[in-house]
Amino acid sequence: MESITLGQCVKGAWRDGWRYLRHRPAFAILLALYTWLSPFAVNALRPDRTPPFRLLTYVPLGVFELMDSALFALLIMHAIRFVLLETDSTNAQPISGPSYWRFLGCT
């Protein structure tokens, strides 16, 4: 097994990213839009600090953060499977299978 240089690693990562963008353009654009718009939703859901302050006002923010973590883990898992398993075999197992739940549990 030969070691690789940092330059080879970076070049390979950009090559894999470009291949993912070519094969899944809608999914990549969806990921970029989601990453860009998510902070706006968090700021909109954050309650004011003015009295009367209630802990219940943080429930929508907490639910959004949990959904945010689960969806972002799903998108990352999809990209990792695409890069590691190549194009044809990514559809072999559904993304909501046990491997996703193990990955979500680890994150």
N, C-alpha and C. Protein backbone atom coordinates (compact mmCIF):
# COMPACT_ATOMS: atom_id res chain seq x y z
N MET A 1 0.84 -1.16 0.00
CA MET A 1 0.00 0.00 0.00
C MET A 1 0.89 1.24 0.00
N GLU A 2 0.68 2.09 -0.95
CA GLU A 2 1.53 3.27 -1.05
C GLU A 2 0.85 4.47 -0.39
N SER A 3 1.65 5.34 0.17
CA SER A 3 1.09 6.54 0.81
C SER A 3 0.84 7.60 -0.26
N ILE A 4 -0.12 8.45 0.02
CA ILE A 4 -0.45 9.51 -0.93
C ILE A 4 -0.05 10.85 -0.32
N THR A 5 0.19 11.80 -1.17
CA THR A 5 0.55 13.13 -0.71
C THR A 5 -0.72 13.95 -0.47
N LEU A 6 -0.54 15.06 0.20
CA LEU A 6 -1.68 15.95 0.44
C LEU A 6 -2.25 16.48 -0.87
N GLY A 7 -1.38 16.77 -1.82
CA GLY A 7 -1.83 17.25 -3.12
C GLY A 7 -2.69 16.23 -3.85
N GLN A 8 -2.30 14.96 -3.79
CA GLN A 8 -3.11 13.90 -4.42
C GLN A 8 -4.45 13.77 -3.72
N CYS A 9 -4.45 13.91 -2.40
CA CYS A 9 -5.70 13.80 -1.64
C CYS A 9 -6.65 14.94 -2.00
N VAL A 10 -6.14 16.15 -2.06
CA VAL A 10 -6.98 17.31 -2.41
C VAL A 10 -7.48 17.19 -3.85
N LYS A 11 -6.60 16.78 -4.76
CA LYS A 11 -7.00 16.63 -6.16
C LYS A 11 -8.09 15.56 -6.30
N GLY A 12 -7.96 14.45 -5.57
CA GLY A 12 -8.97 13.40 -5.60
C GLY A 12 -10.30 13.85 -5.02
N ALA A 13 -10.23 14.66 -3.96
CA ALA A 13 -11.47 15.16 -3.35
C ALA A 13 -12.21 16.09 -4.31
N TRP A 14 -11.48 16.97 -5.00
CA TRP A 14 -12.12 17.85 -5.97
C TRP A 14 -12.67 17.06 -7.15
N ARG A 15 -11.95 16.02 -7.57
CA ARG A 15 -12.43 15.17 -8.66
C ARG A 15 -13.73 14.46 -8.26
N ASP A 16 -13.77 13.92 -7.05
CA ASP A 16 -15.00 13.26 -6.58
C ASP A 16 -16.15 14.24 -6.43
N GLY A 17 -15.85 15.44 -5.94
CA GLY A 17 -16.89 16.46 -5.82
C GLY A 17 -17.45 16.88 -7.16
N TRP A 18 -16.59 17.03 -8.14
CA TRP A 18 -17.04 17.39 -9.49
C TRP A 18 -17.87 16.27 -10.10
N ARG A 19 -17.45 15.02 -9.87
CA ARG A 19 -18.21 13.87 -10.39
C ARG A 19 -19.59 13.82 -9.74
N TYR A 20 -19.66 14.09 -8.43
CA TYR A 20 -20.95 14.11 -7.74
C TYR A 20 -21.84 15.22 -8.29
N LEU A 21 -21.26 16.36 -8.54
CA LEU A 21 -22.02 17.49 -9.08
C LEU A 21 -22.55 17.19 -10.49
N ARG A 22 -21.76 16.49 -11.30
CA ARG A 22 -22.22 16.14 -12.65
C ARG A 22 -23.32 15.10 -12.64
N HIS A 23 -23.23 14.10 -11.75
CA HIS A 23 -24.22 13.02 -11.74
C HIS A 23 -25.48 13.36 -10.94
N ARG A 24 -25.37 14.22 -9.97
CA ARG A 24 -26.51 14.58 -9.13
C ARG A 24 -26.61 16.11 -9.00
N PRO A 25 -26.86 16.82 -10.10
CA PRO A 25 -26.87 18.29 -10.01
C PRO A 25 -28.01 18.84 -9.15
N ALA A 26 -29.20 18.26 -9.26
CA ALA A 26 -30.32 18.77 -8.47
C ALA A 26 -30.08 18.54 -6.99
N PHE A 27 -29.53 17.40 -6.64
CA PHE A 27 -29.26 17.09 -5.24
C PHE A 27 -28.18 18.02 -4.69
N ALA A 28 -27.16 18.31 -5.48
CA ALA A 28 -26.10 19.21 -5.04
C ALA A 28 -26.62 20.63 -4.86
N ILE A 29 -27.47 21.09 -5.76
CA ILE A 29 -28.06 22.42 -5.63
C ILE A 29 -28.98 22.48 -4.42
N LEU A 30 -29.73 21.41 -4.19
CA LEU A 30 -30.59 21.34 -3.01
C LEU A 30 -29.76 21.42 -1.74
N LEU A 31 -28.64 20.73 -1.70
CA LEU A 31 -27.76 20.77 -0.54
C LEU A 31 -27.21 22.18 -0.32
N ALA A 32 -26.79 22.85 -1.39
CA ALA A 32 -26.27 24.21 -1.27
C ALA A 32 -27.35 25.18 -0.79
N LEU A 33 -28.56 25.07 -1.34
CA LEU A 33 -29.66 25.94 -0.91
C LEU A 33 -30.04 25.68 0.55
N TYR A 34 -30.08 24.42 0.92
CA TYR A 34 -30.42 24.07 2.30
C TYR A 34 -29.37 24.63 3.28
N THR A 35 -28.10 24.51 2.92
CA THR A 35 -27.04 25.02 3.78
C THR A 35 -27.10 26.53 3.88
N TRP A 36 -27.49 27.20 2.81
CA TRP A 36 -27.56 28.65 2.80
C TRP A 36 -28.78 29.17 3.56
N LEU A 37 -29.94 28.49 3.43
CA LEU A 37 -31.18 28.99 4.01
C LEU A 37 -31.41 28.54 5.45
N SER A 38 -30.73 27.52 5.90
CA SER A 38 -30.94 26.99 7.25
C SER A 38 -30.68 28.01 8.35
N PRO A 39 -29.62 28.81 8.29
CA PRO A 39 -29.43 29.81 9.36
C PRO A 39 -30.54 30.85 9.43
N PHE A 40 -31.16 31.18 8.31
CA PHE A 40 -32.27 32.13 8.33
C PHE A 40 -33.46 31.55 9.10
N ALA A 41 -33.71 30.26 8.92
CA ALA A 41 -34.81 29.61 9.65
C ALA A 41 -34.50 29.55 11.14
N VAL A 42 -33.26 29.29 11.50
CA VAL A 42 -32.88 29.26 12.91
C VAL A 42 -33.08 30.62 13.55
N ASN A 43 -32.67 31.69 12.86
CA ASN A 43 -32.85 33.04 13.40
C ASN A 43 -34.32 33.41 13.51
N ALA A 44 -35.15 32.94 12.59
CA ALA A 44 -36.58 33.24 12.64
C ALA A 44 -37.26 32.48 13.79
N LEU A 45 -36.78 31.30 14.11
CA LEU A 45 -37.39 30.50 15.17
C LEU A 45 -36.87 30.84 16.56
N ARG A 46 -35.77 31.54 16.67
CA ARG A 46 -35.21 31.88 17.97
C ARG A 46 -36.12 32.90 18.66
N PRO A 47 -36.56 32.59 19.89
CA PRO A 47 -37.49 33.50 20.58
C PRO A 47 -36.77 34.75 21.12
N ASP A 48 -37.58 35.75 21.42
CA ASP A 48 -37.05 37.00 21.99
C ASP A 48 -36.62 36.77 23.43
N ARG A 49 -35.80 37.66 23.92
CA ARG A 49 -35.36 37.59 25.31
C ARG A 49 -36.17 38.54 26.20
N THR A 50 -37.22 39.10 25.66
CA THR A 50 -38.03 40.03 26.44
C THR A 50 -38.99 39.25 27.33
N PRO A 51 -39.33 39.79 28.51
CA PRO A 51 -40.28 39.10 29.39
C PRO A 51 -41.66 39.07 28.76
N PRO A 52 -42.53 38.18 29.02
CA PRO A 52 -42.32 37.00 29.86
C PRO A 52 -41.61 35.91 29.07
N PHE A 53 -40.52 35.44 29.60
CA PHE A 53 -39.72 34.41 28.97
C PHE A 53 -40.27 33.05 29.37
N ARG A 54 -40.49 32.19 28.38
CA ARG A 54 -40.99 30.84 28.65
C ARG A 54 -40.10 29.84 27.94
N LEU A 55 -39.84 28.74 28.60
CA LEU A 55 -39.02 27.69 28.02
C LEU A 55 -39.72 27.03 26.84
N LEU A 56 -41.05 27.08 26.83
CA LEU A 56 -41.83 26.46 25.76
C LEU A 56 -41.57 27.11 24.40
N THR A 57 -41.10 28.35 24.40
CA THR A 57 -40.84 29.03 23.13
C THR A 57 -39.64 28.46 22.38
N TYR A 58 -38.82 27.66 23.08
CA TYR A 58 -37.67 27.03 22.43
C TYR A 58 -38.00 25.69 21.78
N VAL A 59 -39.22 25.19 21.94
CA VAL A 59 -39.59 23.89 21.36
C VAL A 59 -39.50 23.89 19.84
N PRO A 60 -40.06 24.87 19.13
CA PRO A 60 -39.92 24.86 17.66
C PRO A 60 -38.46 24.90 17.20
N LEU A 61 -37.63 25.67 17.90
CA LEU A 61 -36.21 25.73 17.55
C LEU A 61 -35.54 24.39 17.78
N GLY A 62 -35.85 23.72 18.87
CA GLY A 62 -35.28 22.40 19.14
C GLY A 62 -35.70 21.36 18.12
N VAL A 63 -36.97 21.38 17.73
CA VAL A 63 -37.46 20.44 16.72
C VAL A 63 -36.77 20.71 15.38
N PHE A 64 -36.62 21.98 15.02
CA PHE A 64 -35.93 22.30 13.77
C PHE A 64 -34.48 21.86 13.81
N GLU A 65 -33.81 22.05 14.94
CA GLU A 65 -32.41 21.64 15.05
C GLU A 65 -32.27 20.12 14.93
N LEU A 66 -33.18 19.36 15.51
CA LEU A 66 -33.15 17.90 15.37
C LEU A 66 -33.39 17.48 13.92
N MET A 67 -34.37 18.09 13.28
CA MET A 67 -34.62 17.80 11.87
C MET A 67 -33.43 18.22 11.01
N ASP A 68 -32.82 19.34 11.35
CA ASP A 68 -31.66 19.83 10.63
C ASP A 68 -30.51 18.82 10.72
N SER A 69 -30.26 18.30 11.90
CA SER A 69 -29.19 17.31 12.07
C SER A 69 -29.48 16.03 11.28
N ALA A 70 -30.72 15.56 11.34
CA ALA A 70 -31.08 14.32 10.64
C ALA A 70 -30.99 14.51 9.12
N LEU A 71 -31.50 15.62 8.61
CA LEU A 71 -31.47 15.85 7.16
C LEU A 71 -30.05 16.07 6.65
N PHE A 72 -29.24 16.82 7.40
CA PHE A 72 -27.87 17.04 6.98
C PHE A 72 -27.07 15.75 7.01
N ALA A 73 -27.33 14.89 8.00
CA ALA A 73 -26.67 13.58 8.04
C ALA A 73 -27.10 12.73 6.84
N LEU A 74 -28.36 12.82 6.46
CA LEU A 74 -28.85 12.07 5.30
C LEU A 74 -28.16 12.54 4.02
N LEU A 75 -28.03 13.85 3.84
CA LEU A 75 -27.38 14.38 2.65
C LEU A 75 -25.90 14.01 2.61
N ILE A 76 -25.23 14.08 3.75
CA ILE A 76 -23.81 13.72 3.81
C ILE A 76 -23.64 12.24 3.53
N MET A 77 -24.51 11.42 4.12
CA MET A 77 -24.43 9.97 3.90
C MET A 77 -24.61 9.64 2.42
N HIS A 78 -25.52 10.33 1.75
CA HIS A 78 -25.75 10.10 0.33
C HIS A 78 -24.50 10.44 -0.47
N ALA A 79 -23.86 11.55 -0.16
CA ALA A 79 -22.65 11.95 -0.89
C ALA A 79 -21.50 10.98 -0.63
N ILE A 80 -21.34 10.54 0.61
CA ILE A 80 -20.27 9.59 0.94
C ILE A 80 -20.49 8.27 0.22
N ARG A 81 -21.72 7.78 0.22
CA ARG A 81 -22.02 6.52 -0.48
C ARG A 81 -21.78 6.65 -1.97
N PHE A 82 -22.10 7.81 -2.55
CA PHE A 82 -21.88 8.02 -3.97
C PHE A 82 -20.39 7.94 -4.30
N VAL A 83 -19.57 8.58 -3.47
CA VAL A 83 -18.13 8.62 -3.73
C VAL A 83 -17.50 7.24 -3.50
N LEU A 84 -17.86 6.58 -2.43
CA LEU A 84 -17.21 5.31 -2.09
C LEU A 84 -17.72 4.12 -2.89
N LEU A 85 -19.01 4.11 -3.22
CA LEU A 85 -19.59 2.95 -3.88
C LEU A 85 -19.75 3.11 -5.39
N GLU A 86 -19.33 4.23 -5.91
CA GLU A 86 -19.46 4.54 -7.33
C GLU A 86 -20.92 4.81 -7.69
N THR A 87 -21.18 5.17 -8.93
CA THR A 87 -22.48 5.64 -9.37
C THR A 87 -23.55 4.56 -9.37
N ASP A 88 -23.25 3.38 -9.91
CA ASP A 88 -24.29 2.38 -10.11
C ASP A 88 -24.75 1.71 -8.83
N SER A 89 -23.87 1.56 -7.87
CA SER A 89 -24.23 0.79 -6.68
C SER A 89 -24.82 1.64 -5.56
N THR A 90 -25.00 2.95 -5.73
CA THR A 90 -25.57 3.76 -4.66
C THR A 90 -27.04 3.46 -4.46
N ASN A 91 -27.71 2.95 -5.48
CA ASN A 91 -29.13 2.63 -5.35
C ASN A 91 -29.36 1.20 -4.87
N ALA A 92 -28.30 0.48 -4.55
CA ALA A 92 -28.45 -0.92 -4.13
C ALA A 92 -29.19 -1.04 -2.81
N GLN A 93 -28.94 -0.14 -1.88
CA GLN A 93 -29.61 -0.15 -0.58
C GLN A 93 -30.31 1.19 -0.40
N PRO A 94 -31.54 1.19 0.09
CA PRO A 94 -32.22 2.48 0.28
C PRO A 94 -31.49 3.33 1.32
N ILE A 95 -31.53 4.63 1.10
CA ILE A 95 -30.82 5.55 1.99
C ILE A 95 -31.42 5.53 3.40
N SER A 96 -32.67 5.13 3.54
CA SER A 96 -33.27 5.07 4.87
C SER A 96 -33.05 3.71 5.53
N GLY A 97 -32.12 2.93 5.04
CA GLY A 97 -31.83 1.62 5.59
C GLY A 97 -31.06 1.71 6.90
N PRO A 98 -30.65 0.57 7.42
CA PRO A 98 -29.97 0.56 8.72
C PRO A 98 -28.63 1.29 8.73
N SER A 99 -27.97 1.38 7.59
CA SER A 99 -26.68 2.08 7.57
C SER A 99 -26.87 3.57 7.87
N TYR A 100 -27.96 4.15 7.38
CA TYR A 100 -28.23 5.56 7.70
C TYR A 100 -28.48 5.74 9.18
N TRP A 101 -29.25 4.86 9.79
CA TRP A 101 -29.56 5.00 11.21
C TRP A 101 -28.32 4.82 12.07
N ARG A 102 -27.39 3.94 11.65
CA ARG A 102 -26.12 3.79 12.38
C ARG A 102 -25.31 5.07 12.25
N PHE A 103 -25.26 5.65 11.05
CA PHE A 103 -24.51 6.89 10.84
C PHE A 103 -25.13 8.02 11.65
N LEU A 104 -26.45 8.12 11.67
CA LEU A 104 -27.12 9.16 12.43
C LEU A 104 -26.86 8.98 13.92
N GLY A 105 -26.84 7.75 14.40
CA GLY A 105 -26.54 7.49 15.80
C GLY A 105 -25.12 7.89 16.16
N CYS A 106 -24.19 7.68 15.24
CA CYS A 106 -22.80 8.08 15.51
C CYS A 106 -22.63 9.60 15.51
N THR A 107 -23.37 10.28 14.63
CA THR A 107 -23.25 11.73 14.60
C THR A 107 -23.99 12.35 15.75
